[in-house]
N, C-alpha and C. Protein backbone atom coordinates (compact mmCIF):
# COMPACT_ATOMS: atom_id res chain seq x y z
N MET A 1 -1.72 -15.66 3.81
CA MET A 1 -2.45 -14.84 4.74
C MET A 1 -3.73 -15.56 5.16
N THR A 2 -4.20 -15.17 6.31
CA THR A 2 -5.41 -15.75 6.88
C THR A 2 -6.41 -14.63 7.14
N GLN A 3 -7.67 -14.92 6.89
CA GLN A 3 -8.72 -13.92 7.12
C GLN A 3 -9.05 -13.86 8.61
N LEU A 4 -8.90 -12.65 9.16
CA LEU A 4 -9.32 -12.41 10.55
C LEU A 4 -10.79 -12.03 10.59
N GLU A 5 -11.19 -11.16 9.67
CA GLU A 5 -12.56 -10.65 9.70
C GLU A 5 -12.99 -10.20 8.31
N ASN A 6 -14.23 -10.54 7.95
CA ASN A 6 -14.87 -10.06 6.74
C ASN A 6 -15.66 -8.81 7.11
N GLN A 7 -15.56 -7.75 6.35
CA GLN A 7 -16.24 -6.48 6.61
C GLN A 7 -15.89 -5.93 8.01
N PRO A 8 -14.58 -5.81 8.31
CA PRO A 8 -14.18 -5.35 9.64
C PRO A 8 -14.51 -3.88 9.88
N SER A 9 -14.67 -3.56 11.14
CA SER A 9 -14.81 -2.17 11.57
C SER A 9 -13.46 -1.75 12.12
N TYR A 10 -12.87 -0.70 11.54
CA TYR A 10 -11.56 -0.25 11.98
C TYR A 10 -11.64 0.82 13.05
N GLY A 11 -12.83 1.30 13.35
CA GLY A 11 -12.99 2.34 14.36
C GLY A 11 -13.38 3.65 13.71
N GLY A 12 -12.98 4.74 14.31
CA GLY A 12 -13.29 6.05 13.78
C GLY A 12 -14.63 6.59 14.24
N ILE A 13 -15.29 5.85 15.13
CA ILE A 13 -16.62 6.28 15.60
C ILE A 13 -16.45 7.39 16.63
N ASN A 14 -17.20 8.47 16.44
CA ASN A 14 -17.15 9.55 17.43
C ASN A 14 -18.18 9.29 18.53
N PHE A 15 -18.25 10.17 19.49
CA PHE A 15 -19.12 9.96 20.64
C PHE A 15 -20.59 9.86 20.28
N SER A 16 -20.99 10.36 19.12
CA SER A 16 -22.39 10.26 18.72
C SER A 16 -22.67 9.00 17.89
N GLY A 17 -21.63 8.17 17.69
CA GLY A 17 -21.80 6.94 16.94
C GLY A 17 -21.62 7.11 15.44
N PHE A 18 -21.14 8.27 15.00
CA PHE A 18 -20.96 8.55 13.58
C PHE A 18 -19.51 8.36 13.17
N GLY A 19 -19.30 7.90 11.96
CA GLY A 19 -17.95 7.86 11.39
C GLY A 19 -17.28 6.51 11.36
N ASN A 20 -18.02 5.43 11.56
CA ASN A 20 -17.42 4.10 11.54
C ASN A 20 -16.72 3.85 10.20
N GLN A 21 -15.47 3.40 10.27
CA GLN A 21 -14.71 3.07 9.07
C GLN A 21 -14.72 1.56 8.90
N LYS A 22 -15.27 1.11 7.78
CA LYS A 22 -15.35 -0.32 7.49
C LYS A 22 -14.50 -0.63 6.28
N GLY A 23 -14.05 -1.86 6.22
CA GLY A 23 -13.27 -2.32 5.09
C GLY A 23 -13.83 -3.62 4.56
N ASP A 24 -13.16 -4.16 3.54
CA ASP A 24 -13.61 -5.43 2.96
C ASP A 24 -13.08 -6.63 3.74
N PHE A 25 -11.75 -6.63 4.02
CA PHE A 25 -11.16 -7.76 4.73
C PHE A 25 -10.03 -7.29 5.64
N LEU A 26 -9.96 -7.90 6.80
CA LEU A 26 -8.81 -7.75 7.69
C LEU A 26 -8.14 -9.11 7.72
N LEU A 27 -6.90 -9.17 7.28
CA LEU A 27 -6.13 -10.41 7.21
C LEU A 27 -4.94 -10.33 8.13
N ASN A 28 -4.28 -11.46 8.32
CA ASN A 28 -2.98 -11.45 8.98
C ASN A 28 -2.01 -12.32 8.19
N THR A 29 -0.74 -11.93 8.25
CA THR A 29 0.29 -12.74 7.61
C THR A 29 0.45 -14.02 8.41
N GLU A 30 1.15 -14.98 7.86
CA GLU A 30 1.38 -16.25 8.54
C GLU A 30 2.87 -16.46 8.77
N ALA A 31 3.24 -16.58 10.02
CA ALA A 31 4.60 -16.89 10.46
C ALA A 31 4.51 -17.03 11.98
N ASP A 32 5.65 -17.20 12.63
CA ASP A 32 5.63 -17.27 14.10
C ASP A 32 5.07 -15.99 14.70
N ILE A 33 5.46 -14.86 14.12
CA ILE A 33 4.92 -13.56 14.50
C ILE A 33 4.11 -13.07 13.30
N LYS A 34 2.88 -12.65 13.53
CA LYS A 34 1.96 -12.29 12.45
C LYS A 34 1.66 -10.79 12.50
N PHE A 35 1.29 -10.24 11.34
CA PHE A 35 0.97 -8.82 11.23
C PHE A 35 -0.35 -8.65 10.47
N THR A 36 -1.10 -7.61 10.85
CA THR A 36 -2.38 -7.36 10.20
C THR A 36 -2.18 -6.69 8.84
N VAL A 37 -3.10 -7.01 7.93
CA VAL A 37 -3.12 -6.48 6.57
C VAL A 37 -4.57 -6.12 6.24
N LEU A 38 -4.79 -4.91 5.74
CA LEU A 38 -6.12 -4.45 5.37
C LEU A 38 -6.28 -4.57 3.86
N VAL A 39 -7.38 -5.16 3.41
CA VAL A 39 -7.62 -5.36 1.98
C VAL A 39 -8.93 -4.70 1.58
N GLU A 40 -8.86 -3.95 0.51
CA GLU A 40 -10.04 -3.29 -0.05
C GLU A 40 -10.16 -3.76 -1.50
N ILE A 41 -11.35 -4.20 -1.88
CA ILE A 41 -11.57 -4.71 -3.23
C ILE A 41 -12.61 -3.84 -3.93
N LYS A 42 -12.19 -3.27 -5.04
CA LYS A 42 -13.10 -2.50 -5.89
C LYS A 42 -13.55 -3.41 -7.03
N LYS A 43 -14.16 -2.88 -8.05
CA LYS A 43 -14.66 -3.69 -9.16
C LYS A 43 -13.58 -3.90 -10.23
N PRO A 44 -13.63 -5.04 -10.92
CA PRO A 44 -12.71 -5.24 -12.05
C PRO A 44 -12.96 -4.21 -13.15
N THR A 45 -14.17 -3.68 -13.18
CA THR A 45 -14.51 -2.68 -14.21
C THR A 45 -14.18 -1.26 -13.79
N SER A 46 -13.67 -1.07 -12.57
CA SER A 46 -13.27 0.28 -12.14
C SER A 46 -12.16 0.78 -13.05
N SER A 47 -12.33 1.97 -13.58
CA SER A 47 -11.33 2.53 -14.47
C SER A 47 -10.15 3.06 -13.66
N LEU A 48 -8.96 2.72 -14.09
CA LEU A 48 -7.75 3.19 -13.43
C LEU A 48 -7.44 4.64 -13.82
N LEU A 49 -7.98 5.06 -14.95
CA LEU A 49 -7.83 6.44 -15.41
C LEU A 49 -9.19 7.10 -15.47
N ALA A 50 -9.19 8.41 -15.31
CA ALA A 50 -10.45 9.16 -15.40
C ALA A 50 -11.00 9.06 -16.81
N THR A 51 -12.32 9.02 -16.91
CA THR A 51 -12.98 8.95 -18.21
C THR A 51 -14.08 10.00 -18.30
N THR A 52 -14.38 10.38 -19.52
CA THR A 52 -15.49 11.29 -19.76
C THR A 52 -16.79 10.48 -19.72
N ARG A 53 -17.92 11.14 -19.88
CA ARG A 53 -19.21 10.44 -19.87
C ARG A 53 -19.33 9.42 -20.98
N VAL A 54 -18.62 9.63 -22.08
CA VAL A 54 -18.68 8.69 -23.19
C VAL A 54 -17.56 7.65 -23.13
N GLY A 55 -16.83 7.62 -22.01
CA GLY A 55 -15.83 6.57 -21.80
C GLY A 55 -14.45 6.87 -22.34
N LYS A 56 -14.20 8.09 -22.79
CA LYS A 56 -12.89 8.44 -23.32
C LYS A 56 -11.96 8.82 -22.16
N LYS A 57 -10.73 8.30 -22.17
CA LYS A 57 -9.75 8.61 -21.13
C LYS A 57 -9.38 10.09 -21.19
N VAL A 58 -9.07 10.66 -20.02
CA VAL A 58 -8.80 12.09 -19.92
C VAL A 58 -7.29 12.31 -19.77
N ARG A 59 -6.71 12.99 -20.74
CA ARG A 59 -5.29 13.36 -20.67
C ARG A 59 -5.18 14.63 -19.84
N TYR A 60 -4.24 14.64 -18.90
CA TYR A 60 -4.05 15.81 -18.06
C TYR A 60 -3.10 16.80 -18.74
N ARG A 61 -1.97 16.33 -19.16
CA ARG A 61 -0.96 17.07 -19.91
C ARG A 61 -0.29 16.09 -20.85
N ASN A 62 0.56 16.59 -21.70
CA ASN A 62 1.31 15.69 -22.59
C ASN A 62 2.07 14.66 -21.75
N GLY A 63 1.83 13.40 -22.03
CA GLY A 63 2.51 12.31 -21.34
C GLY A 63 1.89 11.92 -20.01
N ALA A 64 0.90 12.65 -19.54
CA ALA A 64 0.30 12.34 -18.23
C ALA A 64 -1.22 12.26 -18.37
N TRP A 65 -1.79 11.25 -17.76
CA TRP A 65 -3.22 11.02 -17.81
C TRP A 65 -3.81 11.20 -16.42
N LEU A 66 -5.05 11.63 -16.37
CA LEU A 66 -5.74 11.84 -15.11
C LEU A 66 -6.14 10.47 -14.53
N LEU A 67 -5.85 10.25 -13.27
CA LEU A 67 -6.15 8.98 -12.62
C LEU A 67 -7.63 8.90 -12.26
N GLY A 68 -8.15 7.68 -12.20
CA GLY A 68 -9.57 7.44 -11.94
C GLY A 68 -9.97 7.72 -10.50
N SER A 69 -11.21 8.14 -10.30
CA SER A 69 -11.69 8.47 -8.96
C SER A 69 -11.77 7.23 -8.06
N ASP A 70 -12.10 6.06 -8.59
CA ASP A 70 -12.13 4.85 -7.77
C ASP A 70 -10.72 4.49 -7.29
N LEU A 71 -9.74 4.69 -8.15
CA LEU A 71 -8.35 4.42 -7.77
C LEU A 71 -7.90 5.38 -6.68
N LEU A 72 -8.09 6.66 -6.91
CA LEU A 72 -7.67 7.66 -5.92
C LEU A 72 -8.46 7.54 -4.62
N GLY A 73 -9.77 7.30 -4.74
CA GLY A 73 -10.60 7.13 -3.55
C GLY A 73 -10.23 5.89 -2.78
N GLY A 74 -9.94 4.80 -3.48
CA GLY A 74 -9.54 3.55 -2.82
C GLY A 74 -8.23 3.69 -2.07
N VAL A 75 -7.26 4.40 -2.67
CA VAL A 75 -5.99 4.64 -2.00
C VAL A 75 -6.21 5.47 -0.75
N SER A 76 -6.97 6.55 -0.88
CA SER A 76 -7.25 7.43 0.26
C SER A 76 -8.00 6.68 1.36
N GLN A 77 -8.99 5.89 0.98
CA GLN A 77 -9.76 5.11 1.95
C GLN A 77 -8.85 4.16 2.73
N LEU A 78 -7.99 3.43 2.02
CA LEU A 78 -7.11 2.47 2.70
C LEU A 78 -6.09 3.17 3.59
N GLN A 79 -5.55 4.29 3.13
CA GLN A 79 -4.60 5.02 3.97
C GLN A 79 -5.27 5.48 5.26
N THR A 80 -6.49 5.96 5.16
CA THR A 80 -7.24 6.39 6.35
C THR A 80 -7.55 5.20 7.25
N ASN A 81 -8.00 4.10 6.66
CA ASN A 81 -8.32 2.91 7.45
C ASN A 81 -7.08 2.35 8.15
N CYS A 82 -5.94 2.35 7.45
CA CYS A 82 -4.70 1.86 8.06
C CYS A 82 -4.31 2.73 9.25
N LYS A 83 -4.45 4.03 9.10
CA LYS A 83 -4.13 4.95 10.19
C LYS A 83 -5.06 4.71 11.39
N THR A 84 -6.35 4.57 11.12
CA THR A 84 -7.32 4.34 12.19
C THR A 84 -7.08 2.99 12.86
N TRP A 85 -6.83 1.96 12.06
CA TRP A 85 -6.62 0.62 12.62
C TRP A 85 -5.35 0.57 13.47
N GLN A 86 -4.34 1.34 13.10
CA GLN A 86 -3.11 1.41 13.90
C GLN A 86 -3.45 1.74 15.35
N THR A 87 -4.37 2.67 15.55
CA THR A 87 -4.80 3.08 16.89
C THR A 87 -5.82 2.10 17.47
N SER A 88 -6.83 1.75 16.70
CA SER A 88 -7.92 0.88 17.20
C SER A 88 -7.44 -0.51 17.58
N SER A 89 -6.41 -1.00 16.92
CA SER A 89 -5.92 -2.35 17.22
C SER A 89 -5.35 -2.44 18.62
N ARG A 90 -5.00 -1.29 19.19
CA ARG A 90 -4.44 -1.27 20.54
C ARG A 90 -5.51 -1.18 21.63
N ALA A 91 -6.74 -0.93 21.24
CA ALA A 91 -7.84 -0.89 22.22
C ALA A 91 -7.94 -2.28 22.86
N VAL A 92 -8.27 -2.31 24.12
CA VAL A 92 -8.27 -3.55 24.90
C VAL A 92 -9.05 -4.66 24.20
N GLN A 93 -10.25 -4.36 23.71
CA GLN A 93 -11.09 -5.39 23.11
C GLN A 93 -10.44 -6.00 21.85
N ASN A 94 -9.65 -5.23 21.13
CA ASN A 94 -8.95 -5.75 19.95
C ASN A 94 -7.60 -6.36 20.33
N ALA A 95 -6.86 -5.70 21.20
CA ALA A 95 -5.52 -6.15 21.57
C ALA A 95 -5.55 -7.53 22.21
N ASP A 96 -6.54 -7.80 23.05
CA ASP A 96 -6.63 -9.11 23.70
C ASP A 96 -6.76 -10.23 22.66
N ILE A 97 -7.60 -10.02 21.68
CA ILE A 97 -7.80 -11.03 20.63
C ILE A 97 -6.53 -11.20 19.80
N LEU A 98 -5.96 -10.08 19.36
CA LEU A 98 -4.76 -10.14 18.51
C LEU A 98 -3.57 -10.73 19.26
N ASN A 99 -3.35 -10.30 20.49
CA ASN A 99 -2.21 -10.80 21.27
C ASN A 99 -2.30 -12.29 21.53
N SER A 100 -3.52 -12.80 21.71
CA SER A 100 -3.69 -14.24 21.97
C SER A 100 -3.25 -15.08 20.76
N GLU A 101 -3.26 -14.47 19.59
CA GLU A 101 -2.85 -15.17 18.37
C GLU A 101 -1.47 -14.72 17.88
N ASN A 102 -0.78 -13.90 18.68
CA ASN A 102 0.53 -13.35 18.34
C ASN A 102 0.48 -12.54 17.03
N ILE A 103 -0.60 -11.76 16.90
CA ILE A 103 -0.79 -10.90 15.74
C ILE A 103 -0.54 -9.46 16.18
N HIS A 104 0.24 -8.75 15.37
CA HIS A 104 0.63 -7.38 15.71
C HIS A 104 0.19 -6.43 14.60
N THR A 105 -0.02 -5.18 14.99
CA THR A 105 -0.32 -4.12 14.02
C THR A 105 0.77 -3.08 14.15
N VAL A 106 1.62 -3.01 13.12
CA VAL A 106 2.70 -2.04 13.06
C VAL A 106 2.66 -1.43 11.67
N SER A 107 2.23 -0.17 11.59
CA SER A 107 2.06 0.46 10.27
C SER A 107 1.43 -0.52 9.31
N PRO A 108 0.17 -0.88 9.53
CA PRO A 108 -0.45 -1.97 8.77
C PRO A 108 -0.39 -1.76 7.26
N LYS A 109 -0.13 -2.85 6.58
CA LYS A 109 -0.10 -2.85 5.13
C LYS A 109 -1.53 -2.83 4.60
N GLY A 110 -1.73 -2.08 3.53
CA GLY A 110 -3.00 -2.08 2.82
C GLY A 110 -2.81 -2.66 1.44
N ILE A 111 -3.79 -3.38 0.96
CA ILE A 111 -3.77 -3.92 -0.41
C ILE A 111 -5.07 -3.50 -1.08
N LEU A 112 -4.94 -2.83 -2.21
CA LEU A 112 -6.10 -2.39 -3.00
C LEU A 112 -6.13 -3.21 -4.28
N VAL A 113 -7.23 -3.93 -4.48
CA VAL A 113 -7.44 -4.70 -5.71
C VAL A 113 -8.47 -3.94 -6.53
N ILE A 114 -8.07 -3.55 -7.75
CA ILE A 114 -8.93 -2.66 -8.54
C ILE A 114 -8.61 -2.77 -10.03
N GLY A 115 -9.64 -2.70 -10.85
CA GLY A 115 -9.50 -2.55 -12.29
C GLY A 115 -8.66 -3.61 -12.97
N LYS A 116 -8.28 -3.29 -14.21
CA LYS A 116 -7.44 -4.19 -15.02
C LYS A 116 -6.46 -3.36 -15.83
N VAL A 117 -5.19 -3.78 -15.83
CA VAL A 117 -4.20 -3.05 -16.64
C VAL A 117 -4.49 -3.24 -18.13
N SER A 118 -5.27 -4.23 -18.46
CA SER A 118 -5.61 -4.45 -19.88
C SER A 118 -6.40 -3.28 -20.45
N GLU A 119 -6.94 -2.41 -19.59
CA GLU A 119 -7.69 -1.25 -20.09
C GLU A 119 -6.79 -0.30 -20.88
N PHE A 120 -5.48 -0.36 -20.68
CA PHE A 120 -4.56 0.55 -21.35
C PHE A 120 -4.24 0.12 -22.78
N GLY A 121 -4.51 -1.14 -23.10
CA GLY A 121 -4.12 -1.63 -24.42
C GLY A 121 -2.62 -1.47 -24.56
N ASP A 122 -2.20 -0.86 -25.66
CA ASP A 122 -0.76 -0.64 -25.86
C ASP A 122 -0.39 0.85 -25.75
N ASN A 123 -1.23 1.63 -25.05
CA ASN A 123 -0.95 3.06 -24.88
C ASN A 123 0.13 3.24 -23.81
N ARG A 124 1.34 3.49 -24.28
CA ARG A 124 2.50 3.58 -23.39
C ARG A 124 2.36 4.69 -22.35
N GLU A 125 1.82 5.85 -22.73
CA GLU A 125 1.67 6.95 -21.78
C GLU A 125 0.72 6.58 -20.64
N GLN A 126 -0.37 5.91 -20.97
CA GLN A 126 -1.32 5.49 -19.94
C GLN A 126 -0.69 4.46 -19.01
N ILE A 127 0.03 3.52 -19.58
CA ILE A 127 0.72 2.49 -18.80
C ILE A 127 1.71 3.15 -17.84
N GLU A 128 2.50 4.08 -18.36
CA GLU A 128 3.53 4.74 -17.55
C GLU A 128 2.92 5.64 -16.48
N THR A 129 1.81 6.30 -16.80
CA THR A 129 1.14 7.13 -15.80
C THR A 129 0.70 6.28 -14.62
N PHE A 130 0.02 5.17 -14.90
CA PHE A 130 -0.46 4.29 -13.83
C PHE A 130 0.70 3.69 -13.04
N GLU A 131 1.69 3.16 -13.74
CA GLU A 131 2.79 2.47 -13.05
C GLU A 131 3.63 3.45 -12.23
N SER A 132 3.83 4.66 -12.73
CA SER A 132 4.57 5.67 -11.96
C SER A 132 3.82 6.02 -10.68
N PHE A 133 2.51 6.17 -10.79
CA PHE A 133 1.70 6.46 -9.59
C PHE A 133 1.80 5.31 -8.60
N ARG A 134 1.61 4.10 -9.09
CA ARG A 134 1.61 2.92 -8.22
C ARG A 134 2.97 2.73 -7.54
N ARG A 135 4.04 2.93 -8.27
CA ARG A 135 5.38 2.75 -7.70
C ARG A 135 5.72 3.84 -6.69
N GLY A 136 5.10 5.00 -6.83
CA GLY A 136 5.38 6.11 -5.95
C GLY A 136 4.65 6.05 -4.62
N ILE A 137 3.79 5.05 -4.46
CA ILE A 137 3.00 4.92 -3.23
C ILE A 137 3.53 3.72 -2.45
N SER A 138 3.85 3.96 -1.18
CA SER A 138 4.36 2.84 -0.38
C SER A 138 3.22 2.05 0.27
N ASN A 139 2.10 2.71 0.52
CA ASN A 139 0.96 2.02 1.11
C ASN A 139 -0.30 2.74 0.66
N PRO A 140 -1.23 2.05 0.06
CA PRO A 140 -1.35 0.61 -0.09
C PRO A 140 -0.63 0.09 -1.34
N GLU A 141 -0.45 -1.23 -1.36
CA GLU A 141 -0.02 -1.90 -2.58
C GLU A 141 -1.23 -1.95 -3.50
N ILE A 142 -1.04 -1.60 -4.76
CA ILE A 142 -2.14 -1.60 -5.73
C ILE A 142 -1.91 -2.76 -6.69
N ILE A 143 -2.90 -3.63 -6.79
CA ILE A 143 -2.82 -4.75 -7.72
C ILE A 143 -4.13 -4.81 -8.49
N THR A 144 -4.03 -5.10 -9.78
CA THR A 144 -5.23 -5.18 -10.61
C THR A 144 -5.73 -6.62 -10.65
N PHE A 145 -6.99 -6.77 -11.05
CA PHE A 145 -7.60 -8.10 -11.11
C PHE A 145 -6.87 -9.02 -12.09
N ASP A 146 -6.44 -8.48 -13.25
CA ASP A 146 -5.75 -9.35 -14.20
C ASP A 146 -4.37 -9.74 -13.68
N GLU A 147 -3.69 -8.86 -12.94
CA GLU A 147 -2.41 -9.23 -12.34
C GLU A 147 -2.62 -10.27 -11.24
N LEU A 148 -3.66 -10.10 -10.44
CA LEU A 148 -3.97 -11.05 -9.38
C LEU A 148 -4.28 -12.43 -9.95
N TYR A 149 -5.02 -12.45 -11.04
CA TYR A 149 -5.34 -13.72 -11.70
C TYR A 149 -4.05 -14.42 -12.15
N GLU A 150 -3.15 -13.65 -12.76
CA GLU A 150 -1.90 -14.25 -13.25
C GLU A 150 -1.02 -14.75 -12.10
N ARG A 151 -1.01 -14.04 -10.99
CA ARG A 151 -0.26 -14.51 -9.81
C ARG A 151 -0.84 -15.82 -9.32
N ALA A 152 -2.15 -15.88 -9.21
CA ALA A 152 -2.80 -17.10 -8.74
C ALA A 152 -2.53 -18.27 -9.70
N ARG A 153 -2.62 -18.00 -10.99
CA ARG A 153 -2.36 -19.04 -11.99
C ARG A 153 -0.93 -19.57 -11.87
N PHE A 154 0.03 -18.66 -11.70
CA PHE A 154 1.43 -19.04 -11.54
C PHE A 154 1.62 -19.93 -10.31
N ILE A 155 1.01 -19.54 -9.19
CA ILE A 155 1.15 -20.31 -7.96
C ILE A 155 0.56 -21.70 -8.13
N VAL A 156 -0.63 -21.78 -8.71
CA VAL A 156 -1.28 -23.08 -8.90
C VAL A 156 -0.46 -23.97 -9.82
N GLU A 157 0.02 -23.43 -10.94
CA GLU A 157 0.81 -24.23 -11.87
C GLU A 157 2.11 -24.70 -11.25
N HIS A 158 2.79 -23.83 -10.52
CA HIS A 158 4.06 -24.20 -9.93
C HIS A 158 3.89 -25.12 -8.72
N LYS A 159 2.80 -24.97 -8.02
CA LYS A 159 2.53 -25.88 -6.91
C LYS A 159 2.30 -27.28 -7.46
N GLN A 160 1.55 -27.38 -8.56
CA GLN A 160 1.31 -28.68 -9.18
C GLN A 160 2.63 -29.30 -9.65
N ASN A 161 3.51 -28.48 -10.26
CA ASN A 161 4.81 -29.00 -10.69
C ASN A 161 5.63 -29.50 -9.51
N LYS A 162 5.61 -28.77 -8.40
CA LYS A 162 6.36 -29.20 -7.21
C LYS A 162 5.80 -30.50 -6.66
N ILE A 163 4.48 -30.65 -6.65
CA ILE A 163 3.86 -31.89 -6.17
C ILE A 163 4.31 -33.05 -7.05
N GLU A 164 4.29 -32.84 -8.37
CA GLU A 164 4.72 -33.90 -9.29
C GLU A 164 6.20 -34.21 -9.11
N ASP A 165 7.04 -33.17 -8.90
CA ASP A 165 8.47 -33.39 -8.67
C ASP A 165 8.70 -34.21 -7.42
N HIS A 166 7.97 -33.90 -6.34
CA HIS A 166 8.14 -34.61 -5.08
C HIS A 166 7.60 -36.03 -5.17
N GLN A 167 6.57 -36.24 -5.96
CA GLN A 167 6.03 -37.59 -6.10
C GLN A 167 7.05 -38.52 -6.75
N SER A 168 7.84 -37.99 -7.70
CA SER A 168 8.84 -38.83 -8.35
C SER A 168 9.90 -39.30 -7.35
N TYR A 169 10.17 -38.51 -6.32
CA TYR A 169 11.12 -38.91 -5.29
C TYR A 169 10.56 -40.02 -4.41
N LEU A 170 9.26 -40.16 -4.39
CA LEU A 170 8.64 -41.12 -3.51
C LEU A 170 8.33 -42.46 -4.18
N GLU A 171 8.66 -42.58 -5.45
CA GLU A 171 8.39 -43.84 -6.15
C GLU A 171 9.27 -44.95 -5.57
N PRO A 172 8.69 -46.10 -5.26
CA PRO A 172 9.45 -47.19 -4.61
C PRO A 172 10.68 -47.63 -5.41
N GLU A 173 10.59 -47.62 -6.74
CA GLU A 173 11.74 -48.07 -7.54
C GLU A 173 12.93 -47.13 -7.46
N ASP A 174 12.70 -45.90 -6.98
CA ASP A 174 13.79 -44.93 -6.86
C ASP A 174 14.47 -44.98 -5.50
N VAL A 175 13.91 -45.72 -4.56
CA VAL A 175 14.50 -45.78 -3.22
C VAL A 175 15.70 -46.73 -3.27
N PRO A 176 16.90 -46.27 -2.83
CA PRO A 176 18.12 -47.05 -3.01
C PRO A 176 18.28 -48.24 -2.03
N PHE A 177 17.34 -48.52 -1.14
CA PHE A 177 17.52 -49.63 -0.21
C PHE A 177 16.44 -50.67 -0.38
């Protein structure tokens, strides 16, 4: 993906100038035809589950835990921003820029980066509560900082392996002519 704008304005301004919806990043996918993606980044310390003032997780019912306000707020914020951007991207001032780069907005994808799954430790109910919620939402995609780190590490390690594999093909002693 490529960054289109840092701290983008998605619109939502009424006639009095109130209500501007801002986000963290507006990106686009990379291919012959590109699509916009909205990214919102919360803190790595944001709790995925609700906590009391003393930091204890809040159980809602047996087997179910109450989700954190930053998680729920971030999802709601991105859903609203995606809806607003769907309309605002078609405004002449935005459409001209996007069309010139062959970038389209069709039910824009949202990505929320928040918290760490490591906060659950080995508590199976907490893990299942979070994962069930995350799987049940089609937009935004929710990824935690520790998962994002592991994805990046995997890509870097495998890219290095591919570079080394390709270098062995380029060694002069291996060329058959």
